Amino acid sequence: MEETLKLILNELKELKEGQQELKEDVSSIKGNLIFGPYFESVEKHIDEKTDELKDLNAY
């Protein structure tokens, strides 16, 4: 009986750790969904400015 309780407690501990990992992953995904479009626009702006500089240096 005592061994069974230890196994159950260990499983609960592992489940709790897995749940915490899932929460962190969900938070990361939410952050990417929120900030993804912002960073895409920043990247596009950088690419445009880089192209402008390349064009200026071509002359």
N, C-alpha and C. Protein backbone atom coordinates (compact mmCIF):
# COMPACT_ATOMS: atom_id res chain seq x y z
N MET A 1 0.83 -1.20 0.00
CA MET A 1 0.00 0.00 0.00
C MET A 1 0.87 1.26 0.00
N GLU A 2 1.88 1.24 0.85
CA GLU A 2 2.77 2.41 0.95
C GLU A 2 3.53 2.63 -0.35
N GLU A 3 3.94 1.52 -0.96
CA GLU A 3 4.65 1.60 -2.24
C GLU A 3 3.75 2.18 -3.32
N THR A 4 2.48 1.79 -3.31
CA THR A 4 1.51 2.31 -4.28
C THR A 4 1.33 3.81 -4.10
N LEU A 5 1.26 4.27 -2.88
CA LEU A 5 1.12 5.70 -2.61
C LEU A 5 2.35 6.47 -3.10
N LYS A 6 3.52 5.90 -2.90
CA LYS A 6 4.75 6.54 -3.38
C LYS A 6 4.73 6.66 -4.90
N LEU A 7 4.29 5.60 -5.58
CA LEU A 7 4.21 5.62 -7.04
C LEU A 7 3.21 6.69 -7.51
N ILE A 8 2.07 6.76 -6.83
CA ILE A 8 1.05 7.75 -7.20
C ILE A 8 1.58 9.16 -6.98
N LEU A 9 2.24 9.39 -5.86
CA LEU A 9 2.81 10.72 -5.59
C LEU A 9 3.87 11.08 -6.61
N ASN A 10 4.67 10.11 -7.02
CA ASN A 10 5.69 10.36 -8.03
C ASN A 10 5.04 10.71 -9.37
N GLU A 11 3.99 9.99 -9.73
CA GLU A 11 3.26 10.28 -10.97
C GLU A 11 2.65 11.68 -10.92
N LEU A 12 2.09 12.04 -9.78
CA LEU A 12 1.51 13.38 -9.64
C LEU A 12 2.57 14.46 -9.78
N LYS A 13 3.74 14.21 -9.22
CA LYS A 13 4.85 15.16 -9.34
C LYS A 13 5.25 15.33 -10.80
N GLU A 14 5.35 14.21 -11.52
CA GLU A 14 5.73 14.26 -12.93
C GLU A 14 4.66 14.97 -13.76
N LEU A 15 3.39 14.71 -13.44
CA LEU A 15 2.30 15.39 -14.14
C LEU A 15 2.35 16.90 -13.91
N LYS A 16 2.63 17.28 -12.68
CA LYS A 16 2.71 18.70 -12.36
C LYS A 16 3.86 19.37 -13.10
N GLU A 17 5.00 18.69 -13.19
CA GLU A 17 6.14 19.22 -13.93
C GLU A 17 5.80 19.35 -15.41
N GLY A 18 5.13 18.34 -15.96
CA GLY A 18 4.73 18.38 -17.36
C GLY A 18 3.74 19.50 -17.62
N GLN A 19 2.83 19.70 -16.67
CA GLN A 19 1.84 20.78 -16.80
C GLN A 19 2.55 22.13 -16.82
N GLN A 20 3.56 22.29 -15.99
CA GLN A 20 4.31 23.55 -15.94
C GLN A 20 5.03 23.79 -17.26
N GLU A 21 5.61 22.74 -17.83
CA GLU A 21 6.28 22.87 -19.13
C GLU A 21 5.28 23.28 -20.21
N LEU A 22 4.09 22.68 -20.18
CA LEU A 22 3.06 23.03 -21.16
C LEU A 22 2.64 24.49 -21.02
N LYS A 23 2.50 24.96 -19.78
CA LYS A 23 2.14 26.36 -19.55
C LYS A 23 3.20 27.30 -20.12
N GLU A 24 4.46 26.95 -19.92
CA GLU A 24 5.55 27.77 -20.45
C GLU A 24 5.53 27.77 -21.98
N ASP A 25 5.28 26.61 -22.57
CA ASP A 25 5.23 26.51 -24.03
C ASP A 25 4.07 27.34 -24.59
N VAL A 26 2.91 27.27 -23.92
CA VAL A 26 1.75 28.05 -24.36
C VAL A 26 2.05 29.54 -24.26
N SER A 27 2.70 29.96 -23.20
CA SER A 27 3.06 31.37 -23.05
C SER A 27 4.00 31.80 -24.17
N SER A 28 4.94 30.95 -24.51
CA SER A 28 5.87 31.26 -25.59
C SER A 28 5.14 31.38 -26.92
N ILE A 29 4.22 30.46 -27.17
CA ILE A 29 3.45 30.50 -28.41
C ILE A 29 2.60 31.77 -28.47
N LYS A 30 1.97 32.11 -27.35
CA LYS A 30 1.17 33.34 -27.31
C LYS A 30 2.04 34.55 -27.62
N GLY A 31 3.23 34.59 -27.05
CA GLY A 31 4.15 35.70 -27.31
C GLY A 31 4.51 35.78 -28.77
N ASN A 32 4.76 34.63 -29.39
CA ASN A 32 5.09 34.62 -30.81
C ASN A 32 3.92 35.09 -31.66
N LEU A 33 2.71 34.72 -31.27
CA LEU A 33 1.53 35.15 -32.02
C LEU A 33 1.31 36.65 -31.90
N ILE A 34 1.58 37.18 -30.73
CA ILE A 34 1.37 38.62 -30.49
C ILE A 34 2.46 39.44 -31.16
N PHE A 35 3.72 39.04 -30.96
CA PHE A 35 4.84 39.84 -31.45
C PHE A 35 5.32 39.45 -32.83
N GLY A 36 4.86 38.31 -33.34
CA GLY A 36 5.30 37.85 -34.65
C GLY A 36 5.10 38.89 -35.75
N PRO A 37 3.87 39.44 -35.90
CA PRO A 37 3.65 40.45 -36.94
C PRO A 37 4.52 41.70 -36.75
N TYR A 38 4.76 42.08 -35.51
CA TYR A 38 5.61 43.25 -35.24
C TYR A 38 7.02 42.99 -35.75
N PHE A 39 7.57 41.83 -35.41
CA PHE A 39 8.94 41.54 -35.83
C PHE A 39 9.03 41.36 -37.35
N GLU A 40 7.96 40.85 -37.96
CA GLU A 40 7.96 40.74 -39.41
C GLU A 40 8.04 42.11 -40.06
N SER A 41 7.31 43.09 -39.49
CA SER A 41 7.35 44.43 -40.06
C SER A 41 8.72 45.07 -39.84
N VAL A 42 9.33 44.81 -38.71
CA VAL A 42 10.68 45.33 -38.44
C VAL A 42 11.67 44.71 -39.42
N GLU A 43 11.54 43.40 -39.63
CA GLU A 43 12.43 42.72 -40.57
C GLU A 43 12.26 43.27 -41.98
N LYS A 44 11.03 43.51 -42.38
CA LYS A 44 10.75 44.07 -43.71
C LYS A 44 11.38 45.45 -43.84
N HIS A 45 11.26 46.25 -42.80
CA HIS A 45 11.84 47.60 -42.82
C HIS A 45 13.36 47.52 -42.96
N ILE A 46 13.98 46.62 -42.22
CA ILE A 46 15.43 46.46 -42.29
C ILE A 46 15.84 46.02 -43.70
N ASP A 47 15.09 45.09 -44.28
CA ASP A 47 15.40 44.63 -45.63
C ASP A 47 15.29 45.77 -46.64
N GLU A 48 14.26 46.59 -46.50
CA GLU A 48 14.09 47.72 -47.42
C GLU A 48 15.25 48.71 -47.30
N LYS A 49 15.64 49.01 -46.08
CA LYS A 49 16.75 49.95 -45.86
C LYS A 49 18.06 49.36 -46.38
N THR A 50 18.25 48.06 -46.20
CA THR A 50 19.45 47.40 -46.70
C THR A 50 19.51 47.49 -48.22
N ASP A 51 18.36 47.25 -48.86
CA ASP A 51 18.30 47.36 -50.32
C ASP A 51 18.61 48.79 -50.78
N GLU A 52 18.09 49.78 -50.05
CA GLU A 52 18.38 51.18 -50.39
C GLU A 52 19.87 51.46 -50.30
N LEU A 53 20.51 50.96 -49.25
CA LEU A 53 21.95 51.19 -49.08
C LEU A 53 22.74 50.49 -50.18
N LYS A 54 22.31 49.30 -50.55
CA LYS A 54 22.98 48.57 -51.63
C LYS A 54 22.87 49.36 -52.94
N ASP A 55 21.68 49.94 -53.19
CA ASP A 55 21.47 50.74 -54.39
C ASP A 55 22.36 51.98 -54.40
N LEU A 56 22.50 52.61 -53.22
CA LEU A 56 23.36 53.80 -53.12
C LEU A 56 24.81 53.46 -53.36
N ASN A 57 25.24 52.33 -52.87
CA ASN A 57 26.62 51.91 -53.03
C ASN A 57 26.93 51.44 -54.44
N ALA A 58 25.90 51.13 -55.21
CA ALA A 58 26.09 50.66 -56.58
C ALA A 58 26.52 51.82 -57.50
N TYR A 59 26.22 53.03 -57.09
CA TYR A 59 26.55 54.19 -57.92
C TYR A 59 27.96 54.62 -57.77
